[in-house]
Amino acid sequence: MNASQPEGLDEKIAGMVKGLAPHLIALRRDIHAHPELGFDTHRTADVIAQELQKLGFEPQTGVGKTGVMLDIHGAESGPSLLLRADMDALPIEEKTGLPFASVWPGKMHACGHDLHTATLLGVAATLKELQPLLKGSVRLIFQPAEETTESGAAAMIADGAADGQDMAITFHNRPELAVGNIMLTRGASTASCDEFDVQVIGISGHAARPHAAADPIVATAYLITQLQTIISREMDPAQSAVLTVGHIEGGAIHNIIPDSCLFRGTVRARSAASRDHVEAAFRRVCAGVALSMNVQVEINYQRGVPPLLNDDRMVDLAEQSITRQFKQQPEVQQGRSFGAEDFSYFSDRVPACQIHIGSAQPGRNDHVHNSDYQPDEGCISVGAIALTRLTLDILS
């Protein structure tokens, strides 16, 4: 990073984004009113592509099914930086009552990906004007399917989105932070997310003669409590994990012991070692309960996204750049979240970091994935300014 940027660059970037703000907010509201799920982000991708074309760019569409990708090359050669925004919504019925609320029942931008999309379009517009200052290239990624089991990041990477990239940055709005505040995290920003389906198979029988059956419900109840001891008694509390059973079903009537019982859930961990330990222990405990309770236990354990690991050097660069632009130091924390984020597929390949942009609206106590989520649109400008400055500082 070259600290000696042209004099007045901070004011220039802020002024450019201020001029763009009304258009970016209008774009966000249009996308918010037309939320799309998973890979079905066709309209959103079209809006993005059209906006980039108006700027004189030639974006690539259909990357990772419905993703949009754009390379911006600087005046001189240098490293390549990837900036990613997610653009899919959630299967939630919106209850905000806003004039630009979702027009499609059962779909809502309740995580702020509409904000992210508008923010990165703002970055594209500012970098178009500041392109001569770049030494290297910027790849803008508008990604579908962040909220789904089938990962849009993995699909875009399979189509070459990470090829030739030296580093990567993503960002997320945070309603826990006031607008204007920015937070960085060290270590794991999010956790891995693995899913399990466990079928406990016994022998059905009459409720009055349990000795003639092998009760899968009792075995399941015991197994679930034993699985929790992996977290409470095997894991180092400083390197712990979360094991949650979110679904259980078995039996149909009062007086019959059923043949089987099913339960499903997730395991989340913030390091590869913790992730491996929980899976091995999970399988061991299931085998032990099967033997002790005289049942069969069939496990379908599927690994999902890995932890999103922030590179220390990237965090340092972001901290320096944000401080330089806003004349105040961002909050820097040790990561604590056990949420999942498929940008981790990028952070597995290149040095990367996630930036948290404050989006709290005064007088409200919002949370993402909520049907009444109403973030402050001022976070769009803050994010666009921060990402533009960080890009210029890295590629200079």
Protein backbone atom coordinates (compact mmCIF):
# COMPACT_ATOMS: atom_id res chain seq x y z
CA MET A 1 0.00 0.00 0.00
CA ASN A 2 1.26 3.43 -0.93
CA ALA A 3 0.23 5.95 1.74
CA SER A 4 1.05 8.94 -0.47
CA GLN A 5 -2.11 9.24 -2.58
CA PRO A 6 -2.98 12.41 -4.52
CA GLU A 7 -3.80 15.30 -2.23
CA GLY A 8 -7.51 15.58 -1.46
CA LEU A 9 -8.31 12.02 -2.54
CA ASP A 10 -10.50 11.47 0.51
CA GLU A 11 -12.65 14.50 -0.32
CA LYS A 12 -12.77 13.54 -3.99
CA ILE A 13 -14.02 10.01 -3.28
CA ALA A 14 -16.57 11.24 -0.73
CA GLY A 15 -17.84 13.88 -3.15
CA MET A 16 -18.19 11.42 -5.99
CA VAL A 17 -20.16 8.97 -3.85
CA LYS A 18 -22.33 11.77 -2.46
CA GLY A 19 -23.30 12.64 -6.02
CA LEU A 20 -24.11 9.00 -6.76
CA ALA A 21 -26.05 8.39 -3.53
CA PRO A 22 -29.60 9.19 -4.78
CA HIS A 23 -29.15 6.86 -7.76
CA LEU A 24 -27.66 4.09 -5.63
CA ILE A 25 -30.55 4.33 -3.17
CA ALA A 26 -33.04 4.17 -6.05
CA LEU A 27 -31.29 1.07 -7.36
CA ARG A 28 -31.36 -0.51 -3.92
CA ARG A 29 -35.09 0.14 -3.57
CA ASP A 30 -35.81 -1.33 -6.99
CA ILE A 31 -33.84 -4.47 -6.14
CA HIS A 32 -35.48 -4.61 -2.71
CA ALA A 33 -38.94 -4.53 -4.28
CA HIS A 34 -38.02 -7.41 -6.58
CA PRO A 35 -36.17 -9.95 -4.39
CA GLU A 36 -34.93 -13.16 -5.97
CA LEU A 37 -33.79 -16.38 -4.29
CA GLY A 38 -30.74 -18.57 -4.75
CA PHE A 39 -29.61 -18.82 -8.35
CA ASP A 40 -32.89 -17.33 -9.65
CA THR A 41 -31.43 -13.83 -9.63
CA HIS A 42 -32.08 -13.18 -13.31
CA ARG A 43 -33.73 -9.75 -12.98
CA THR A 44 -31.16 -8.56 -10.44
CA ALA A 45 -28.31 -9.69 -12.69
CA ASP A 46 -29.90 -7.84 -15.62
CA VAL A 47 -30.15 -4.62 -13.58
CA ILE A 48 -26.49 -4.93 -12.58
CA ALA A 49 -25.31 -5.65 -16.12
CA GLN A 50 -27.28 -2.70 -17.50
CA GLU A 51 -25.85 -0.33 -14.89
CA LEU A 52 -22.30 -1.46 -15.65
CA GLN A 53 -22.89 -1.10 -19.38
CA LYS A 54 -24.12 2.48 -18.84
CA LEU A 55 -20.73 3.17 -17.25
CA GLY A 56 -19.03 1.92 -20.40
CA PHE A 57 -18.01 -1.47 -19.04
CA GLU A 58 -18.53 -4.87 -20.63
CA PRO A 59 -19.51 -7.19 -17.76
CA GLN A 60 -19.57 -10.95 -18.07
CA THR A 61 -22.93 -12.53 -17.18
CA GLY A 62 -23.95 -16.10 -16.46
CA VAL A 63 -20.87 -16.76 -14.29
CA GLY A 64 -21.78 -19.45 -11.76
CA LYS A 65 -25.22 -19.71 -13.42
CA THR A 66 -26.47 -16.15 -12.76
CA GLY A 67 -23.48 -14.23 -11.39
CA VAL A 68 -22.06 -11.05 -12.93
CA MET A 69 -18.33 -10.35 -13.15
CA LEU A 70 -16.37 -7.31 -14.26
CA ASP A 71 -12.61 -6.71 -14.55
CA ILE A 72 -11.37 -3.12 -14.30
CA HIS A 73 -7.76 -2.72 -15.43
CA GLY A 74 -5.58 0.08 -14.16
CA ALA A 75 -3.18 2.25 -16.09
CA GLU A 76 -0.23 0.15 -14.93
CA SER A 77 0.29 -3.54 -14.24
CA GLY A 78 0.10 -4.90 -10.72
CA PRO A 79 -1.78 -7.34 -8.48
CA SER A 80 -5.44 -8.25 -8.85
CA LEU A 81 -7.99 -7.55 -6.13
CA LEU A 82 -11.43 -9.18 -6.04
CA LEU A 83 -14.40 -7.36 -4.48
CA ARG A 84 -17.55 -9.40 -3.92
CA ALA A 85 -21.19 -8.51 -3.21
CA ASP A 86 -23.96 -11.07 -2.76
CA MET A 87 -27.33 -10.36 -4.37
CA ASP A 88 -29.88 -13.04 -3.37
CA ALA A 89 -32.81 -12.63 -0.98
CA LEU A 90 -34.51 -14.86 1.59
CA PRO A 91 -37.78 -16.86 1.61
CA ILE A 92 -39.42 -14.50 4.14
CA GLU A 93 -42.74 -12.65 3.92
CA GLU A 94 -41.89 -8.95 4.26
CA LYS A 95 -43.70 -7.01 7.00
CA THR A 96 -41.97 -3.62 6.83
CA GLY A 97 -44.83 -1.75 5.16
CA LEU A 98 -42.28 0.33 3.23
CA PRO A 99 -43.32 1.94 -0.08
CA PHE A 100 -40.69 -0.18 -1.82
CA ALA A 101 -41.47 -3.42 0.04
CA SER A 102 -41.29 -6.71 -1.83
CA VAL A 103 -43.92 -7.10 -4.52
CA TRP A 104 -43.39 -10.86 -4.56
CA PRO A 105 -45.04 -12.86 -1.74
CA GLY A 106 -42.75 -14.97 0.40
CA LYS A 107 -39.53 -13.27 -0.72
CA MET A 108 -37.62 -10.46 0.99
CA HIS A 109 -34.21 -8.83 1.14
CA ALA A 110 -33.97 -9.40 4.90
CA CYS A 111 -30.18 -9.66 4.98
CA GLY A 112 -29.27 -6.50 3.09
CA HIS A 113 -27.88 -8.03 -0.08
CA ASP A 114 -29.76 -5.30 -1.94
CA LEU A 115 -27.57 -2.81 -0.04
CA HIS A 116 -24.46 -4.78 -0.97
CA THR A 117 -25.35 -4.81 -4.65
CA ALA A 118 -25.97 -1.06 -4.73
CA THR A 119 -22.74 -0.45 -2.82
CA LEU A 120 -20.60 -2.38 -5.29
CA LEU A 121 -22.27 -0.63 -8.21
CA GLY A 122 -21.21 2.60 -6.54
CA VAL A 123 -17.64 1.32 -6.35
CA ALA A 124 -17.77 0.49 -10.06
CA ALA A 125 -18.84 4.04 -10.86
CA THR A 126 -16.13 5.68 -8.76
CA LEU A 127 -13.39 3.38 -10.03
CA LYS A 128 -14.41 4.20 -13.59
CA GLU A 129 -13.41 7.80 -12.93
CA LEU A 130 -10.33 6.93 -10.87
CA GLN A 131 -9.11 4.10 -13.12
CA PRO A 132 -5.87 5.96 -14.11
CA LEU A 133 -4.72 5.76 -10.47
CA LEU A 134 -4.86 1.95 -10.38
CA LYS A 135 -1.75 -0.18 -10.65
CA GLY A 136 -3.23 -3.59 -11.22
CA SER A 137 -6.81 -4.75 -11.71
CA VAL A 138 -10.04 -5.05 -9.79
CA ARG A 139 -12.52 -7.86 -10.28
CA LEU A 140 -16.07 -7.06 -9.18
CA ILE A 141 -18.18 -10.12 -8.34
CA PHE A 142 -21.97 -9.96 -7.99
CA GLN A 143 -22.79 -13.37 -6.57
CA PRO A 144 -26.07 -15.32 -6.42
CA ALA A 145 -27.00 -18.04 -3.91
CA GLU A 146 -25.18 -16.98 -0.76
CA GLU A 147 -28.20 -17.92 1.37
CA THR A 148 -28.66 -21.43 -0.04
CA THR A 149 -27.06 -24.81 0.59
CA GLU A 150 -25.80 -24.90 -2.99
CA SER A 151 -23.16 -22.17 -2.93
CA GLY A 152 -23.06 -19.37 -5.47
CA ALA A 153 -19.45 -18.65 -4.52
CA ALA A 154 -18.45 -22.23 -5.31
CA ALA A 155 -20.34 -22.05 -8.61
CA MET A 156 -18.64 -18.79 -9.63
CA ILE A 157 -15.22 -20.15 -8.64
CA ALA A 158 -15.89 -23.23 -10.76
CA ASP A 159 -16.47 -20.82 -13.67
CA GLY A 160 -13.12 -19.11 -13.06
CA ALA A 161 -14.10 -16.17 -10.85
CA ALA A 162 -11.11 -16.63 -8.53
CA ASP A 163 -8.59 -17.42 -11.24
CA GLY A 164 -5.65 -15.03 -11.34
CA GLN A 165 -6.70 -13.17 -8.20
CA ASP A 166 -4.15 -12.24 -5.54
CA MET A 167 -6.48 -11.13 -2.76
CA ALA A 168 -10.20 -10.74 -2.04
CA ILE A 169 -12.51 -8.56 0.04
CA THR A 170 -16.18 -8.83 0.90
CA PHE A 171 -18.40 -6.73 3.14
CA HIS A 172 -21.66 -7.02 5.05
CA ASN A 173 -24.06 -4.52 6.57
CA ARG A 174 -24.28 -4.74 10.37
CA PRO A 175 -27.42 -3.39 12.10
CA GLU A 176 -25.58 -3.69 15.42
CA LEU A 177 -23.35 -0.78 14.33
CA ALA A 178 -24.39 2.82 13.75
CA VAL A 179 -24.14 4.16 10.20
CA GLY A 180 -20.66 5.59 9.70
CA ASN A 181 -19.04 2.95 11.88
CA ILE A 182 -16.94 0.19 10.38
CA MET A 183 -15.71 -2.96 12.10
CA LEU A 184 -12.99 -5.44 11.16
CA THR A 185 -12.36 -8.86 12.64
CA ARG A 186 -9.22 -10.90 13.06
CA GLY A 187 -9.16 -14.65 12.75
CA ALA A 188 -12.33 -16.42 11.69
CA SER A 189 -15.03 -13.96 10.69
CA THR A 190 -17.62 -16.74 10.34
CA ALA A 191 -17.77 -20.46 11.03
CA SER A 192 -18.01 -23.57 8.91
CA CYS A 193 -21.49 -25.05 8.57
CA ASP A 194 -21.93 -28.81 8.20
CA GLU A 195 -25.27 -30.64 8.17
CA PHE A 196 -26.26 -34.06 9.45
CA ASP A 197 -29.24 -36.38 9.05
CA VAL A 198 -29.31 -39.31 11.46
CA GLN A 199 -31.73 -42.22 11.20
CA VAL A 200 -32.02 -44.40 14.32
CA ILE A 201 -33.50 -47.77 13.37
CA GLY A 202 -34.96 -50.05 16.00
CA ILE A 203 -37.66 -52.73 16.17
CA SER A 204 -41.30 -51.69 16.42
CA GLY A 205 -43.64 -53.14 19.01
CA HIS A 206 -46.48 -52.59 21.47
CA ALA A 207 -46.06 -49.88 24.06
CA ALA A 208 -47.04 -52.39 26.75
CA ARG A 209 -44.22 -54.77 25.80
CA PRO A 210 -41.10 -52.64 25.30
CA HIS A 211 -38.88 -55.63 26.07
CA ALA A 212 -39.98 -57.17 22.76
CA ALA A 213 -38.92 -54.07 20.80
CA ALA A 214 -35.82 -51.91 20.32
CA ASP A 215 -37.03 -48.37 20.99
CA PRO A 216 -35.52 -45.85 18.53
CA ILE A 217 -37.13 -42.87 20.30
CA VAL A 218 -35.42 -43.59 23.62
CA ALA A 219 -32.18 -44.26 21.76
CA THR A 220 -32.54 -40.98 19.85
CA ALA A 221 -33.20 -38.99 23.01
CA TYR A 222 -30.12 -40.50 24.64
CA LEU A 223 -28.02 -39.99 21.52
CA ILE A 224 -28.90 -36.30 21.22
CA THR A 225 -27.89 -35.63 24.84
CA GLN A 226 -24.65 -37.57 24.35
CA LEU A 227 -23.81 -35.58 21.22
CA GLN A 228 -24.05 -32.36 23.24
CA THR A 229 -21.28 -33.60 25.54
CA ILE A 230 -18.90 -33.34 22.57
CA ILE A 231 -19.22 -29.57 22.88
CA SER A 232 -19.44 -29.31 26.67
CA ARG A 233 -16.79 -31.88 27.61
CA GLU A 234 -14.48 -32.54 24.65
CA MET A 235 -13.92 -29.14 23.07
CA ASP A 236 -11.48 -26.52 24.31
CA PRO A 237 -13.81 -23.61 25.23
CA ALA A 238 -11.43 -21.24 23.43
CA GLN A 239 -11.71 -23.34 20.24
CA SER A 240 -15.26 -24.55 20.63
CA ALA A 241 -18.07 -25.35 18.23
CA VAL A 242 -21.87 -25.37 18.11
CA LEU A 243 -23.95 -28.52 17.56
CA THR A 244 -27.68 -27.92 17.09
CA VAL A 245 -30.48 -30.39 16.43
CA GLY A 246 -33.17 -28.52 14.53
CA HIS A 247 -35.57 -31.32 13.57
CA ILE A 248 -36.76 -34.60 15.05
CA GLU A 249 -39.53 -36.96 14.06
CA GLY A 250 -40.54 -40.47 15.02
CA GLY A 251 -43.69 -42.42 15.73
CA ALA A 252 -47.31 -41.78 14.83
CA ILE A 253 -49.51 -42.95 17.69
CA HIS A 254 -49.57 -43.27 21.48
CA ASN A 255 -49.23 -47.01 21.94
CA ILE A 256 -46.76 -48.13 19.26
CA ILE A 257 -42.99 -48.11 19.50
CA PRO A 258 -41.95 -47.12 15.93
CA ASP A 259 -39.38 -48.72 13.69
CA SER A 260 -37.26 -45.58 13.40
CA CYS A 261 -36.64 -42.00 14.48
CA LEU A 262 -34.96 -39.25 12.47
CA PHE A 263 -33.16 -36.10 13.57
CA ARG A 264 -31.32 -33.38 11.67
CA GLY A 265 -29.08 -30.47 12.54
CA THR A 266 -25.89 -28.52 11.98
CA VAL A 267 -22.36 -28.35 13.30
CA ARG A 268 -20.49 -25.04 13.21
CA ALA A 269 -16.79 -24.54 13.95
CA ARG A 270 -14.31 -21.69 13.58
CA SER A 271 -11.20 -23.73 12.79
CA ALA A 272 -10.35 -26.74 10.66
CA ALA A 273 -9.10 -28.65 13.72
CA SER A 274 -12.34 -28.08 15.66
CA ARG A 275 -14.38 -29.03 12.62
CA ASP A 276 -12.50 -32.32 12.19
CA HIS A 277 -12.70 -33.13 15.90
CA VAL A 278 -16.47 -32.68 16.10
CA GLU A 279 -17.13 -34.85 13.05
CA ALA A 280 -14.92 -37.67 14.32
CA ALA A 281 -16.50 -37.49 17.78
CA PHE A 282 -19.99 -37.34 16.27
CA ARG A 283 -19.42 -40.60 14.41
CA ARG A 284 -17.85 -42.23 17.48
CA VAL A 285 -20.75 -41.30 19.78
CA CYS A 286 -23.32 -42.53 17.25
CA ALA A 287 -21.52 -45.87 16.97
CA GLY A 288 -21.36 -46.19 20.76
CA VAL A 289 -25.06 -45.47 21.28
CA ALA A 290 -25.99 -47.90 18.52
CA LEU A 291 -24.10 -50.64 20.36
CA SER A 292 -25.34 -49.78 23.84
CA MET A 293 -29.00 -49.28 22.86
CA ASN A 294 -29.21 -52.21 20.40
CA VAL A 295 -30.23 -50.08 17.44
CA GLN A 296 -28.76 -49.18 14.07
CA VAL A 297 -27.64 -45.61 13.47
CA GLU A 298 -27.29 -44.40 9.89
CA ILE A 299 -25.46 -41.08 9.45
CA ASN A 300 -25.51 -38.69 6.50
CA TYR A 301 -22.94 -36.03 7.45
CA GLN A 302 -22.39 -33.39 4.77
CA ARG A 303 -19.67 -30.76 4.94
CA GLY A 304 -20.74 -27.28 3.87
CA VAL A 305 -18.85 -24.01 3.73
CA PRO A 306 -15.51 -23.69 5.57
CA PRO A 307 -14.76 -20.90 8.07
CA LEU A 308 -14.12 -17.45 6.59
CA LEU A 309 -10.58 -16.73 7.74
CA ASN A 310 -9.43 -13.11 7.70
CA ASP A 311 -5.82 -12.64 6.66
CA ASP A 312 -3.98 -10.46 9.20
CA ARG A 313 -2.17 -8.47 6.52
CA MET A 314 -5.44 -7.75 4.71
CA VAL A 315 -7.04 -6.61 7.98
CA ASP A 316 -4.06 -4.30 8.60
CA LEU A 317 -4.39 -2.80 5.12
CA ALA A 318 -8.11 -2.25 5.59
CA GLU A 319 -7.60 -0.64 9.00
CA GLN A 320 -4.97 1.77 7.66
CA SER A 321 -7.02 2.72 4.60
CA ILE A 322 -10.29 3.26 6.47
CA THR A 323 -8.50 5.37 9.08
CA ARG A 324 -6.91 7.47 6.33
CA GLN A 325 -10.22 8.03 4.53
CA PHE A 326 -12.56 8.68 7.47
CA LYS A 327 -10.01 10.18 9.90
CA GLN A 328 -11.08 7.70 12.56
CA GLN A 329 -9.91 4.19 13.28
CA PRO A 330 -12.38 1.35 12.69
CA GLU A 331 -13.20 -1.03 15.51
CA VAL A 332 -11.09 -4.19 15.27
CA GLN A 333 -12.29 -7.29 17.12
CA GLN A 334 -11.38 -10.94 17.39
CA GLY A 335 -14.03 -12.80 15.39
CA ARG A 336 -16.82 -14.42 17.40
CA SER A 337 -19.63 -15.22 14.97
CA PHE A 338 -20.82 -18.77 14.34
CA GLY A 339 -22.83 -17.74 11.31
CA ALA A 340 -21.77 -19.08 7.92
CA GLU A 341 -20.69 -17.22 4.78
CA ASP A 342 -19.72 -18.82 1.48
CA PHE A 343 -17.17 -16.10 0.69
CA SER A 344 -15.02 -18.52 2.70
CA TYR A 345 -14.48 -20.44 -0.55
CA PHE A 346 -12.60 -17.36 -1.78
CA SER A 347 -10.72 -16.89 1.51
CA ASP A 348 -9.60 -20.51 1.24
CA ARG A 349 -7.82 -19.64 -2.01
CA VAL A 350 -6.32 -16.17 -1.50
CA PRO A 351 -5.63 -13.74 1.39
CA ALA A 352 -8.97 -12.15 2.18
CA CYS A 353 -11.00 -10.23 4.71
CA GLN A 354 -14.59 -9.25 5.46
CA ILE A 355 -15.53 -5.67 6.34
CA HIS A 356 -18.57 -4.90 8.50
CA ILE A 357 -20.45 -1.70 7.58
CA GLY A 358 -22.78 -0.16 10.18
CA SER A 359 -26.42 -0.02 9.06
CA ALA A 360 -28.39 0.71 12.23
CA GLN A 361 -31.31 3.07 11.75
CA PRO A 362 -31.72 5.48 14.70
CA GLY A 363 -34.52 4.46 17.05
CA ARG A 364 -34.68 0.88 15.81
CA ASN A 365 -33.20 -2.41 17.04
CA ASP A 366 -32.94 -4.37 13.80
CA HIS A 367 -31.52 -7.80 13.09
CA VAL A 368 -30.88 -9.49 9.78
CA HIS A 369 -33.14 -12.35 8.61
CA ASN A 370 -36.10 -10.58 10.21
CA SER A 371 -39.35 -9.84 8.36
CA ASP A 372 -39.29 -6.19 9.58
CA TYR A 373 -35.62 -5.53 8.82
CA GLN A 374 -35.16 -1.84 7.95
CA PRO A 375 -31.47 -0.87 7.67
CA ASP A 376 -30.31 2.71 7.16
CA GLU A 377 -29.54 3.32 3.48
CA GLY A 378 -26.70 5.63 4.48
CA CYS A 379 -24.55 2.53 4.78
CA ILE A 380 -24.44 2.30 0.97
CA SER A 381 -22.38 5.48 0.66
CA VAL A 382 -20.14 4.57 3.60
CA GLY A 383 -19.43 1.18 2.07
CA ALA A 384 -18.78 2.58 -1.41
CA ILE A 385 -16.37 5.19 -0.04
CA ALA A 386 -14.50 2.67 2.12
CA LEU A 387 -14.15 0.07 -0.64
CA THR A 388 -13.10 2.61 -3.25
CA ARG A 389 -10.38 4.02 -1.01
CA LEU A 390 -9.18 0.57 0.04
CA THR A 391 -8.95 -0.51 -3.60
CA LEU A 392 -6.92 2.56 -4.54
CA ASP A 393 -4.64 2.19 -1.52
CA ILE A 394 -3.95 -1.49 -2.23
CA LEU A 395 -3.47 -1.04 -5.98
CA SER A 396 -1.11 1.91 -5.92
